[in-house]
PDB file of N, CA and C in Angstrom:
ATOM      1  N   LEU A   1       0.714  -1.250  -0.021  1.00  0.00           N
ATOM      2  CA  LEU A   1       0.007   0.086   0.044  1.00  0.00           C
ATOM      3  C   LEU A   1       0.865   1.258   0.008  1.00  0.00           C
ATOM      4  N   LEU A   2       1.934   1.347   0.851  1.00  0.00           N
ATOM      5  CA  LEU A   2       2.896   2.363   0.869  1.00  0.00           C
ATOM      6  C   LEU A   2       3.520   2.488  -0.479  1.00  0.00           C
ATOM      7  N   LEU A   3       4.072   1.422  -1.127  1.00  0.00           N
ATOM      8  CA  LEU A   3       4.569   1.531  -2.471  1.00  0.00           C
ATOM      9  C   LEU A   3       3.421   2.291  -3.341  1.00  0.00           C
ATOM     10  N   GLY A   4       2.378   2.014  -3.341  1.00  0.00           N
ATOM     11  CA  GLY A   4       1.379   2.670  -4.201  1.00  0.00           C
ATOM     12  C   GLY A   4       1.267   3.970  -3.983  1.00  0.00           C
ATOM     13  N   LEU A   5       1.229   4.385  -2.859  1.00  0.00           N
ATOM     14  CA  LEU A   5       1.101   5.897  -2.327  1.00  0.00           C
ATOM     15  C   LEU A   5       2.373   6.578  -2.768  1.00  0.00           C
ATOM     16  N   LEU A   6       3.523   5.828  -2.910  1.00  0.00           N
ATOM     17  CA  LEU A   6       4.868   6.708  -3.272  1.00  0.00           C
ATOM     18  C   LEU A   6       4.902   6.817  -4.783  1.00  0.00           C
ATOM     19  N   ARG A   7       4.041   5.913  -5.490  1.00  0.00           N
ATOM     20  CA  ARG A   7       4.219   5.931  -6.994  1.00  0.00           C
ATOM     21  C   ARG A   7       4.011   6.962  -7.781  1.00  0.00           C
ATOM     22  N   GLU A   8       3.101   8.012  -7.355  1.00  0.00           N
ATOM     23  CA  GLU A   8       2.873   9.180  -7.822  1.00  0.00           C
ATOM     24  C   GLU A   8       3.168  10.246  -7.125  1.00  0.00           C
ATOM     25  N   PRO A   9       4.348  10.942  -7.572  1.00  0.00           N
ATOM     26  CA  PRO A   9       5.051  11.975  -6.855  1.00  0.00           C
ATOM     27  C   PRO A   9       4.266  13.395  -6.552  1.00  0.00           C
ATOM     28  N   ARG A  10       3.086  13.435  -7.177  1.00  0.00           N
ATOM     29  CA  ARG A  10       2.193  14.691  -6.919  1.00  0.00           C
ATOM     30  C   ARG A  10       1.015  14.465  -6.029  1.00  0.00           C
ATOM     31  N   SER A  11       1.058  12.956  -5.727  1.00  0.00           N
ATOM     32  CA  SER A  11      -0.226  12.703  -4.812  1.00  0.00           C
ATOM     33  C   SER A  11       0.002  13.282  -3.416  1.00  0.00           C
ATOM     34  N   TYR A  12      -1.270  13.559  -2.834  1.00  0.00           N
ATOM     35  CA  TYR A  12      -1.207  14.058  -1.665  1.00  0.00           C
ATOM     36  C   TYR A  12      -0.214  13.641  -0.580  1.00  0.00           C
ATOM     37  N   SER A  13      -0.494  12.294  -0.312  1.00  0.00           N
ATOM     38  CA  SER A  13       0.373  11.498   0.533  1.00  0.00           C
ATOM     39  C   SER A  13       1.794  11.626   0.154  1.00  0.00           C
ATOM     40  N   CYS A  14       2.226  11.860  -0.891  1.00  0.00           N
ATOM     41  CA  CYS A  14       3.789  11.986  -1.241  1.00  0.00           C
ATOM     42  C   CYS A  14       4.175  13.230  -0.954  1.00  0.00           C
ATOM     43  N   ARG A  15       3.137  14.262  -1.090  1.00  0.00           N
ATOM     44  CA  ARG A  15       3.593  15.541  -0.930  1.00  0.00           C
ATOM     45  C   ARG A  15       3.666  15.801   0.657  1.00  0.00           C
ATOM     46  N   VAL A  16       2.962  15.071   1.477  1.00  0.00           N
ATOM     47  CA  VAL A  16       3.119  15.101   2.830  1.00  0.00           C
ATOM     48  C   VAL A  16       4.496  14.611   3.306  1.00  0.00           C
ATOM     49  N   ILE A  17       4.840  13.404   2.743  1.00  0.00           N
ATOM     50  CA  ILE A  17       5.899  12.619   3.275  1.00  0.00           C
ATOM     51  C   ILE A  17       7.234  13.851   2.805  1.00  0.00           C
ATOM     52  N   VAL A  18       7.165  14.185   1.686  1.00  0.00           N
ATOM     53  CA  VAL A  18       8.258  15.287   1.163  1.00  0.00           C
ATOM     54  C   VAL A  18       8.184  16.474   2.124  1.00  0.00           C
ATOM     55  N   ASN A  19       7.335  17.052   2.476  1.00  0.00           N
ATOM     56  CA  ASN A  19       7.189  18.072   3.443  1.00  0.00           C
ATOM     57  C   ASN A  19       7.477  17.949   4.686  1.00  0.00           C
ATOM     58  N   LEU A  20       7.622  16.586   5.252  1.00  0.00           N
ATOM     59  CA  LEU A  20       8.004  16.146   6.484  1.00  0.00           C
ATOM     60  C   LEU A  20       9.410  15.740   6.458  1.00  0.00           C
ATOM     61  N   GLY A  21      10.121  15.842   5.130  1.00  0.00           N
ATOM     62  CA  GLY A  21      11.612  15.567   4.982  1.00  0.00           C
ATOM     63  C   GLY A  21      11.775  14.008   4.714  1.00  0.00           C
ATOM     64  N   GLY A  22      10.878  13.368   4.267  1.00  0.00           N
ATOM     65  CA  GLY A  22      10.956  11.874   3.867  1.00  0.00           C
ATOM     66  C   GLY A  22      11.409  11.953   2.494  1.00  0.00           C
ATOM     67  N   ASP A  23      12.007  10.900   2.025  1.00  0.00           N
ATOM     68  CA  ASP A  23      12.556  10.734   0.763  1.00  0.00           C
ATOM     69  C   ASP A  23      11.800   9.539   0.075  1.00  0.00           C
ATOM     70  N   PRO A  24      10.672  10.016  -0.860  1.00  0.00           N
ATOM     71  CA  PRO A  24      10.074   8.822  -1.420  1.00  0.00           C
ATOM     72  C   PRO A  24      10.700   7.738  -2.365  1.00  0.00           C
ATOM     73  N   SER A  25      11.807   8.274  -2.989  1.00  0.00           N
ATOM     74  CA  SER A  25      12.602   7.334  -3.842  1.00  0.00           C
ATOM     75  C   SER A  25      13.438   6.311  -2.800  1.00  0.00           C
ATOM     76  N   ASN A  26      13.802   6.795  -1.938  1.00  0.00           N
ATOM     77  CA  ASN A  26      14.715   5.725  -0.969  1.00  0.00           C
ATOM     78  C   ASN A  26      13.599   4.988  -0.224  1.00  0.00           C
ATOM     79  N   MET A  27      12.330   5.598   0.066  1.00  0.00           N
ATOM     80  CA  MET A  27      11.474   4.604   0.706  1.00  0.00           C
ATOM     81  C   MET A  27      11.012   3.487  -0.255  1.00  0.00           C
ATOM     82  N   LYS A  28      10.735   3.750  -1.584  1.00  0.00           N
ATOM     83  CA  LYS A  28      10.528   2.740  -2.459  1.00  0.00           C
ATOM     84  C   LYS A  28      11.568   1.675  -2.508  1.00  0.00           C
ATOM     85  N   ARG A  29      12.787   2.086  -2.535  1.00  0.00           N
ATOM     86  CA  ARG A  29      13.903   1.111  -2.675  1.00  0.00           C
ATOM     87  C   ARG A  29      13.891   0.433  -1.475  1.00  0.00           C
ATOM     88  N   GLU A  30      13.631   0.756  -0.411  1.00  0.00           N
ATOM     89  CA  GLU A  30      13.577   0.063   0.964  1.00  0.00           C
ATOM     90  C   GLU A  30      12.484  -0.980   0.787  1.00  0.00           C
ATOM     91  N   ILE A  31      11.297  -0.546   0.494  1.00  0.00           N
ATOM     92  CA  ILE A  31      10.104  -1.388   0.420  1.00  0.00           C
ATOM     93  C   ILE A  31      10.318  -2.436  -0.703  1.00  0.00           C
ATOM     94  N   GLU A  32      10.733  -2.286  -1.790  1.00  0.00           N
ATOM     95  CA  GLU A  32      11.336  -3.199  -2.877  1.00  0.00           C
ATOM     96  C   GLU A  32      12.241  -4.313  -2.224  1.00  0.00           C
ATOM     97  N   SER A  33      13.064  -3.758  -1.460  1.00  0.00           N
ATOM     98  CA  SER A  33      14.167  -4.711  -0.777  1.00  0.00           C
ATOM     99  C   SER A  33      13.504  -5.533   0.201  1.00  0.00           C
ATOM    100  N   VAL A  34      12.489  -5.137   1.059  1.00  0.00           N
ATOM    101  CA  VAL A  34      11.749  -6.068   1.900  1.00  0.00           C
ATOM    102  C   VAL A  34      11.015  -7.121   1.186  1.00  0.00           C
ATOM    103  N   ILE A  35      10.192  -6.548   0.194  1.00  0.00           N
ATOM    104  CA  ILE A  35       9.330  -7.409  -0.607  1.00  0.00           C
ATOM    105  C   ILE A  35      10.163  -8.629  -1.192  1.00  0.00           C
ATOM    106  N   GLY A  36      11.426  -8.288  -1.879  1.00  0.00           N
ATOM    107  CA  GLY A  36      12.317  -9.125  -2.418  1.00  0.00           C
ATOM    108  C   GLY A  36      12.864 -10.158  -1.374  1.00  0.00           C
ATOM    109  N   ARG A  37      12.970  -9.748  -0.123  1.00  0.00           N
ATOM    110  CA  ARG A  37      13.398 -10.771   0.902  1.00  0.00           C
ATOM    111  C   ARG A  37      12.348 -11.723   1.358  1.00  0.00           C
ATOM    112  N   ARG A  38      11.155 -10.996   1.362  1.00  0.00           N
ATOM    113  CA  ARG A  38      10.060 -11.974   1.902  1.00  0.00           C
ATOM    114  C   ARG A  38       9.251 -12.908   0.953  1.00  0.00           C
ATOM    115  N   GLY A  39       9.473 -12.465  -0.450  1.00  0.00           N
ATOM    116  CA  GLY A  39       8.928 -13.336  -1.536  1.00  0.00           C
ATOM    117  C   GLY A  39       7.286 -12.684  -1.755  1.00  0.00           C
ATOM    118  N   SER A  40       6.664 -13.544  -2.146  1.00  0.00           N
ATOM    119  CA  SER A  40       5.042 -13.073  -2.385  1.00  0.00           C
ATOM    120  C   SER A  40       4.266 -13.007  -1.127  1.00  0.00           C
ATOM    121  N   LEU A  41       3.511 -12.083  -1.133  1.00  0.00           N
ATOM    122  CA  LEU A  41       2.521 -11.866   0.053  1.00  0.00           C
ATOM    123  C   LEU A  41       1.423 -12.984  -0.071  1.00  0.00           C
ATOM    124  N   LEU A  42       0.912 -13.322   1.180  1.00  0.00           N
ATOM    125  CA  LEU A  42      -0.519 -14.170   1.229  1.00  0.00           C
ATOM    126  C   LEU A  42      -1.498 -13.188   1.194  1.00  0.00           C
ATOM    127  N   THR A  43      -2.595 -13.410   0.422  1.00  0.00           N
ATOM    128  CA  THR A  43      -3.612 -12.326   0.602  1.00  0.00           C
ATOM    129  C   THR A  43      -4.982 -13.259   0.733  1.00  0.00           C
ATOM    130  N   GLY A  44      -5.925 -12.418   1.208  1.00  0.00           N
ATOM    131  CA  GLY A  44      -7.192 -13.091   1.644  1.00  0.00           C
ATOM    132  C   GLY A  44      -8.000 -13.188   0.315  1.00  0.00           C
ATOM    133  N   THR A  45      -9.273 -13.271   0.438  1.00  0.00           N
ATOM    134  CA  THR A  45     -10.200 -13.595  -0.412  1.00  0.00           C
ATOM    135  C   THR A  45     -10.329 -12.293  -1.417  1.00  0.00           C
ATOM    136  N   THR A  46     -10.087 -11.151  -0.956  1.00  0.00           N
ATOM    137  CA  THR A  46     -10.212  -9.975  -1.787  1.00  0.00           C
ATOM    138  C   THR A  46      -8.990  -9.538  -2.472  1.00  0.00           C
ATOM    139  N   GLY A  47      -7.986 -10.288  -2.248  1.00  0.00           N
ATOM    140  CA  GLY A  47      -6.652  -9.744  -3.084  1.00  0.00           C
ATOM    141  C   GLY A  47      -5.814  -9.056  -2.378  1.00  0.00           C
ATOM    142  N   MET A  48      -6.117  -8.875  -1.033  1.00  0.00           N
ATOM    143  CA  MET A  48      -5.176  -8.149  -0.202  1.00  0.00           C
ATOM    144  C   MET A  48      -5.149  -8.539   1.209  1.00  0.00           C
ATOM    145  N   THR A  49      -3.955  -8.351   1.915  1.00  0.00           N
ATOM    146  CA  THR A  49      -3.641  -8.969   3.208  1.00  0.00           C
ATOM    147  C   THR A  49      -4.668  -8.130   4.214  1.00  0.00           C
ATOM    148  N   ARG A  50      -4.874  -9.053   5.292  1.00  0.00           N
ATOM    149  CA  ARG A  50      -5.685  -8.668   6.327  1.00  0.00           C
ATOM    150  C   ARG A  50      -5.049  -7.393   6.862  1.00  0.00           C
ATOM    151  N   ARG A  51      -3.618  -7.185   7.033  1.00  0.00           N
ATOM    152  CA  ARG A  51      -3.284  -5.914   7.325  1.00  0.00           C
ATOM    153  C   ARG A  51      -3.633  -4.827   6.590  1.00  0.00           C
ATOM    154  N   CYS A  52      -3.608  -4.868   5.233  1.00  0.00           N
ATOM    155  CA  CYS A  52      -3.888  -3.927   4.096  1.00  0.00           C
ATOM    156  C   CYS A  52      -5.373  -3.564   4.434  1.00  0.00           C
ATOM    157  N   GLN A  53      -6.296  -4.643   4.622  1.00  0.00           N
ATOM    158  CA  GLN A  53      -7.612  -4.288   4.878  1.00  0.00           C
ATOM    159  C   GLN A  53      -7.919  -3.589   6.103  1.00  0.00           C
ATOM    160  N   ARG A  54      -7.015  -3.781   7.177  1.00  0.00           N
ATOM    161  CA  ARG A  54      -7.198  -3.111   8.502  1.00  0.00           C
ATOM    162  C   ARG A  54      -6.769  -1.584   8.231  1.00  0.00           C
ATOM    163  N   VAL A  55      -5.582  -1.357   7.441  1.00  0.00           N
ATOM    164  CA  VAL A  55      -5.463  -0.014   7.222  1.00  0.00           C
ATOM    165  C   VAL A  55      -6.302   0.815   6.514  1.00  0.00           C
ATOM    166  N   ILE A  56      -6.914   0.133   5.519  1.00  0.00           N
ATOM    167  CA  ILE A  56      -7.825   0.854   4.633  1.00  0.00           C
ATOM    168  C   ILE A  56      -9.244   1.139   5.600  1.00  0.00           C
ATOM    169  N   GLU A  57      -9.480   0.176   6.315  1.00  0.00           N
ATOM    170  CA  GLU A  57     -10.784   0.540   7.251  1.00  0.00           C
ATOM    171  C   GLU A  57     -10.411   1.605   8.261  1.00  0.00           C
ATOM    172  N   GLN A  58      -9.198   1.725   8.779  1.00  0.00           N
ATOM    173  CA  GLN A  58      -8.905   2.707   9.660  1.00  0.00           C
ATOM    174  C   GLN A  58      -8.692   4.220   8.997  1.00  0.00           C
ATOM    175  N   ALA A  59      -8.144   4.149   7.725  1.00  0.00           N
ATOM    176  CA  ALA A  59      -8.210   5.306   7.042  1.00  0.00           C
ATOM    177  C   ALA A  59      -9.764   5.889   6.698  1.00  0.00           C
ATOM    178  N   ALA A  60     -10.608   5.040   6.625  1.00  0.00           N
ATOM    179  CA  ALA A  60     -12.138   5.356   6.606  1.00  0.00           C
ATOM    180  C   ALA A  60     -12.487   5.941   7.857  1.00  0.00           C
ATOM    181  N   ARG A  61     -11.999   5.301   8.809  1.00  0.00           N
ATOM    182  CA  ARG A  61     -12.480   6.008  10.161  1.00  0.00           C
ATOM    183  C   ARG A  61     -11.814   7.443  10.428  1.00  0.00           C
ATOM    184  N   VAL A  62     -10.475   7.518   9.871  1.00  0.00           N
ATOM    185  CA  VAL A  62      -9.935   8.914  10.125  1.00  0.00           C
ATOM    186  C   VAL A  62     -10.605   9.951   9.175  1.00  0.00           C
ATOM    187  N   ALA A  63     -11.047   9.464   8.054  1.00  0.00           N
ATOM    188  CA  ALA A  63     -11.708  10.531   7.131  1.00  0.00           C
ATOM    189  C   ALA A  63     -12.918  10.869   7.750  1.00  0.00           C
ATOM    190  N   ARG A  64     -13.651   9.790   8.209  1.00  0.00           N
ATOM    191  CA  ARG A  64     -15.137  10.365   8.806  1.00  0.00           C
ATOM    192  C   ARG A  64     -14.662  10.930   9.985  1.00  0.00           C
ATOM    193  N   GLY A  65     -13.649  10.865  10.753  1.00  0.00           N
ATOM    194  CA  GLY A  65     -13.528  11.629  12.146  1.00  0.00           C
ATOM    195  C   GLY A  65     -13.069  13.148  11.753  1.00  0.00           C
ATOM    196  N   THR A  66     -12.607  13.415  10.465  1.00  0.00           N
ATOM    197  CA  THR A  66     -12.426  14.941  10.128  1.00  0.00           C
ATOM    198  C   THR A  66     -13.373  15.372   9.338  1.00  0.00           C
ATOM    199  N   GLY A  67     -14.635  14.597   9.081  1.00  0.00           N
ATOM    200  CA  GLY A  67     -15.913  15.230   8.551  1.00  0.00           C
ATOM    201  C   GLY A  67     -15.882  14.821   6.925  1.00  0.00           C
ATOM    202  N   GLU A  68     -14.968  14.181   6.492  1.00  0.00           N
ATOM    203  CA  GLU A  68     -14.795  13.981   4.967  1.00  0.00           C
ATOM    204  C   GLU A  68     -15.601  12.636   4.552  1.00  0.00           C
ATOM    205  N   ARG A  69     -16.013  12.757   3.366  1.00  0.00           N
ATOM    206  CA  ARG A  69     -16.990  11.653   2.993  1.00  0.00           C
ATOM    207  C   ARG A  69     -16.057  10.840   1.986  1.00  0.00           C
ATOM    208  N   VAL A  70     -14.899  11.039   1.558  1.00  0.00           N
ATOM    209  CA  VAL A  70     -14.007  10.451   0.541  1.00  0.00           C
ATOM    210  C   VAL A  70     -12.688  10.013   1.384  1.00  0.00           C
ATOM    211  N   VAL A  71     -12.214   8.747   1.338  1.00  0.00           N
ATOM    212  CA  VAL A  71     -10.879   8.398   1.658  1.00  0.00           C
ATOM    213  C   VAL A  71      -9.734   8.892   0.652  1.00  0.00           C
ATOM    214  N   GLY A  72      -8.826   9.658   1.221  1.00  0.00           N
ATOM    215  CA  GLY A  72      -7.790  10.172   0.334  1.00  0.00           C
ATOM    216  C   GLY A  72      -6.593   9.370   0.734  1.00  0.00           C
ATOM    217  N   THR A  73      -5.653   9.751  -0.141  1.00  0.00           N
ATOM    218  CA  THR A  73      -4.111   9.089   0.016  1.00  0.00           C
ATOM    219  C   THR A  73      -3.657   9.620   1.383  1.00  0.00           C
ATOM    220  N   GLY A  74      -3.898  10.975   1.846  1.00  0.00           N
ATOM    221  CA  GLY A  74      -3.585  11.347   3.103  1.00  0.00           C
ATOM    222  C   GLY A  74      -4.172  10.621   4.301  1.00  0.00           C
ATOM    223  N   HIS A  75      -5.394  10.062   4.263  1.00  0.00           N
ATOM    224  CA  HIS A  75      -6.010   9.150   5.374  1.00  0.00           C
ATOM    225  C   HIS A  75      -5.336   7.908   5.189  1.00  0.00           C
ATOM    226  N   LEU A  76      -4.904   7.479   3.931  1.00  0.00           N
ATOM    227  CA  LEU A  76      -4.363   6.178   3.975  1.00  0.00           C
ATOM    228  C   LEU A  76      -2.749   6.304   4.662  1.00  0.00           C
ATOM    229  N   LEU A  77      -2.091   7.321   4.227  1.00  0.00           N
ATOM    230  CA  LEU A  77      -0.755   7.561   5.051  1.00  0.00           C
ATOM    231  C   LEU A  77      -0.848   7.588   6.463  1.00  0.00           C
ATOM    232  N   GLN A  78      -1.880   8.456   6.955  1.00  0.00           N
ATOM    233  CA  GLN A  78      -2.098   8.571   8.302  1.00  0.00           C
ATOM    234  C   GLN A  78      -2.231   7.194   9.086  1.00  0.00           C
ATOM    235  N   SER A  79      -3.160   6.431   8.425  1.00  0.00           N
ATOM    236  CA  SER A  79      -3.479   5.085   8.968  1.00  0.00           C
ATOM    237  C   SER A  79      -2.159   4.192   8.816  1.00  0.00           C
ATOM    238  N   LEU A  80      -1.314   4.157   7.844  1.00  0.00           N
ATOM    239  CA  LEU A  80      -0.304   3.279   7.657  1.00  0.00           C
ATOM    240  C   LEU A  80       0.856   3.875   8.955  1.00  0.00           C
ATOM    241  N   VAL A  81       0.925   5.089   9.185  1.00  0.00           N
ATOM    242  CA  VAL A  81       1.863   5.549  10.059  1.00  0.00           C
ATOM    243  C   VAL A  81       1.583   5.041  11.510  1.00  0.00           C
ATOM    244  N   GLU A  82       0.183   5.028  11.808  1.00  0.00           N
ATOM    245  CA  GLU A  82      -0.257   4.450  12.840  1.00  0.00           C
ATOM    246  C   GLU A  82      -0.350   3.136  13.386  1.00  0.00           C
ATOM    247  N   GLN A  83       0.559   2.189  12.365  1.00  0.00           N
ATOM    248  CA  GLN A  83       0.661   0.889  12.489  1.00  0.00           C
ATOM    249  C   GLN A  83       2.221   0.388  12.730  1.00  0.00           C
ATOM    250  N   PRO A  84       2.678   0.909  14.101  1.00  0.00           N
ATOM    251  CA  PRO A  84       4.069   0.427  14.119  1.00  0.00           C
ATOM    252  C   PRO A  84       4.517  -0.779  13.976  1.00  0.00           C
ATOM    253  N   GLU A  85       3.570  -1.839  14.055  1.00  0.00           N
ATOM    254  CA  GLU A  85       4.136  -3.180  13.985  1.00  0.00           C
ATOM    255  C   GLU A  85       4.191  -3.655  12.512  1.00  0.00           C
ATOM    256  N   ASP A  86       3.811  -2.759  11.733  1.00  0.00           N
ATOM    257  CA  ASP A  86       4.125  -3.165  10.230  1.00  0.00           C
ATOM    258  C   ASP A  86       5.075  -2.515   9.597  1.00  0.00           C
ATOM    259  N   VAL A  87       5.936  -3.062   8.730  1.00  0.00           N
ATOM    260  CA  VAL A  87       7.033  -2.552   7.955  1.00  0.00           C
ATOM    261  C   VAL A  87       6.753  -1.062   7.407  1.00  0.00           C
ATOM    262  N   ALA A  88       5.541  -0.882   6.818  1.00  0.00           N
ATOM    263  CA  ALA A  88       5.417   0.426   6.270  1.00  0.00           C
ATOM    264  C   ALA A  88       5.504   1.472   7.577  1.00  0.00           C
ATOM    265  N   GLY A  89       4.800   1.137   8.716  1.00  0.00           N
ATOM    266  CA  GLY A  89       4.747   2.047   9.732  1.00  0.00           C
ATOM    267  C   GLY A  89       6.131   2.347  10.086  1.00  0.00           C
ATOM    268  N   GLN A  90       7.126   1.184  10.395  1.00  0.00           N
ATOM    269  CA  GLN A  90       8.403   1.241  10.790  1.00  0.00           C
ATOM    270  C   GLN A  90       9.107   2.137   9.968  1.00  0.00           C
ATOM    271  N   LEU A  91       9.060   1.909   8.648  1.00  0.00           N
ATOM    272  CA  LEU A  91       9.816   2.697   7.587  1.00  0.00           C
ATOM    273  C   LEU A  91       9.317   4.248   7.540  1.00  0.00           C
ATOM    274  N   LEU A  92       8.173   4.477   7.785  1.00  0.00           N
ATOM    275  CA  LEU A  92       7.921   5.923   7.777  1.00  0.00           C
ATOM    276  C   LEU A  92       8.484   6.544   9.103  1.00  0.00           C
ATOM    277  N   GLU A  93       8.247   5.836  10.234  1.00  0.00           N
ATOM    278  CA  GLU A  93       8.788   6.253  11.529  1.00  0.00           C
ATOM    279  C   GLU A  93      10.302   6.711  11.457  1.00  0.00           C
ATOM    280  N   SER A  94      11.013   5.656  10.910  1.00  0.00           N
ATOM    281  CA  SER A  94      12.511   5.894  10.952  1.00  0.00           C
ATOM    282  C   SER A  94      12.874   6.985  10.025  1.00  0.00           C
ATOM    283  N   SER A  95      11.983   7.374   9.042  1.00  0.00           N
ATOM    284  CA  SER A  95      12.098   8.311   8.154  1.00  0.00           C
ATOM    285  C   SER A  95      11.796   9.616   8.624  1.00  0.00           C
ATOM    286  N   GLY A  96      11.355   9.793   9.861  1.00  0.00           N
ATOM    287  CA  GLY A  96      11.038  10.973  10.406  1.00  0.00           C
ATOM    288  C   GLY A  96       9.549  11.496  10.367  1.00  0.00           C
ATOM    289  N   VAL A  97       8.684  10.421   9.491  1.00  0.00           N
ATOM    290  CA  VAL A  97       7.351  10.836   9.289  1.00  0.00           C
ATOM    291  C   VAL A  97       6.338  10.023  10.148  1.00  0.00           C
ATOM    292  N   THR A  98       6.114  10.650  11.175  1.00  0.00           N
ATOM    293  CA  THR A  98       5.476  10.127  12.552  1.00  0.00           C
ATOM    294  C   THR A  98       3.937  10.547  12.421  1.00  0.00           C
ATOM    295  N   ALA A  99       3.187   9.714  13.220  1.00  0.00           N
ATOM    296  CA  ALA A  99       1.736  10.018  13.301  1.00  0.00           C
ATOM    297  C   ALA A  99       1.369  11.418  13.553  1.00  0.00           C
ATOM    298  N   ASP A 100       1.947  11.899  14.431  1.00  0.00           N
ATOM    299  CA  ASP A 100       1.524  13.394  14.807  1.00  0.00           C
ATOM    300  C   ASP A 100       2.100  14.468  13.810  1.00  0.00           C
ATOM    301  N   LYS A 101       3.112  14.115  13.181  1.00  0.00           N
ATOM    302  CA  LYS A 101       3.740  14.882  12.104  1.00  0.00           C
ATOM    303  C   LYS A 101       2.746  14.860  10.967  1.00  0.00           C
ATOM    304  N   VAL A 102       2.217  13.756  10.526  1.00  0.00           N
ATOM    305  CA  VAL A 102       1.429  13.688   9.375  1.00  0.00           C
ATOM    306  C   VAL A 102       0.126  14.052   9.834  1.00  0.00           C
ATOM    307  N   ALA A 103      -0.563  14.054  10.926  1.00  0.00           N
ATOM    308  CA  ALA A 103      -1.897  14.506  11.243  1.00  0.00           C
ATOM    309  C   ALA A 103      -1.741  16.208  11.265  1.00  0.00           C
ATOM    310  N   GLY A 104      -0.518  16.637  11.670  1.00  0.00           N
ATOM    311  CA  GLY A 104      -0.439  18.170  11.654  1.00  0.00           C
ATOM    312  C   GLY A 104      -0.284  18.695  10.231  1.00  0.00           C
ATOM    313  N   GLU A 105       0.424  17.833   9.314  1.00  0.00           N
ATOM    314  CA  GLU A 105       0.741  18.383   8.067  1.00  0.00           C
ATOM    315  C   GLU A 105      -0.704  18.403   7.299  1.00  0.00           C
ATOM    316  N   LEU A 106      -1.349  17.305   7.434  1.00  0.00           N
ATOM    317  CA  LEU A 106      -2.729  17.282   6.897  1.00  0.00           C
ATOM    318  C   LEU A 106      -3.749  18.190   7.308  1.00  0.00           C
ATOM    319  N   ARG A 107      -3.615  18.592   8.657  1.00  0.00           N
ATOM    320  CA  ARG A 107      -4.519  19.810   9.098  1.00  0.00           C
ATOM    321  C   ARG A 107      -3.863  20.959   8.343  1.00  0.00           C
ATOM    322  N   HIS A 108      -2.954  21.256   8.379  1.00  0.00           N
ATOM    323  CA  HIS A 108      -2.038  22.436   7.461  1.00  0.00           C
ATOM    324  C   HIS A 108      -2.413  22.473   5.981  1.00  0.00           C
ATOM    325  N   MET A 109      -2.307  21.349   5.379  1.00  0.00           N
ATOM    326  CA  MET A 109      -2.596  21.349   3.832  1.00  0.00           C
ATOM    327  C   MET A 109      -3.965  21.323   3.546  1.00  0.00           C
ATOM    328  N   GLY A 110      -5.002  21.095   4.298  1.00  0.00           N
ATOM    329  CA  GLY A 110      -6.342  21.099   4.214  1.00  0.00           C
ATOM    330  C   GLY A 110      -6.792  19.748   3.518  1.00  0.00           C
ATOM    331  N   SER A 111      -8.024  19.899   3.141  1.00  0.00           N
ATOM    332  CA  SER A 111      -8.713  18.708   2.601  1.00  0.00           C
ATOM    333  C   SER A 111      -8.252  18.328   1.220  1.00  0.00           C
ATOM    334  N   GLU A 112      -8.049  16.997   0.944  1.00  0.00           N
ATOM    335  CA  GLU A 112      -7.509  16.559  -0.294  1.00  0.00           C
ATOM    336  C   GLU A 112      -8.422  16.697  -1.350  1.00  0.00           C
ATOM    337  N   ALA A 113      -9.633  16.934  -0.987  1.00  0.00           N
ATOM    338  CA  ALA A 113     -10.718  16.979  -2.073  1.00  0.00           C
ATOM    339  C   ALA A 113     -10.801  18.315  -2.585  1.00  0.00           C
ATOM    340  N   GLU A 114     -10.072  19.440  -1.852  1.00  0.00           N
ATOM    341  CA  GLU A 114     -10.286  20.793  -2.367  1.00  0.00           C
ATOM    342  C   GLU A 114      -9.430  21.021  -3.577  1.00  0.00           C
TER     343      GLU A 114
END
């Protein structure tokens, strides 16, 4: 999921990461390195892992909590960084992209739908 968010440099989530001092290119390389070491991922019936489903569901709660009706890439990023047990959350945290900083940057940047 994080790899997908990093794929488009103009996306809201990618801009948040850059604004917070993260390096999307470096993050992509690290994720690809981890995927290469672990091999293919086991997925559920929906074609995604249970952890990925959990992150998406959390992103929907984040969006609703801010009064937004659409889940955006910023909500997904917020949800990922709040998962310290997952590789994506650890990678973001080690890059200085923390849950508090992401939440603050999302408030500063405003709604993704605008």
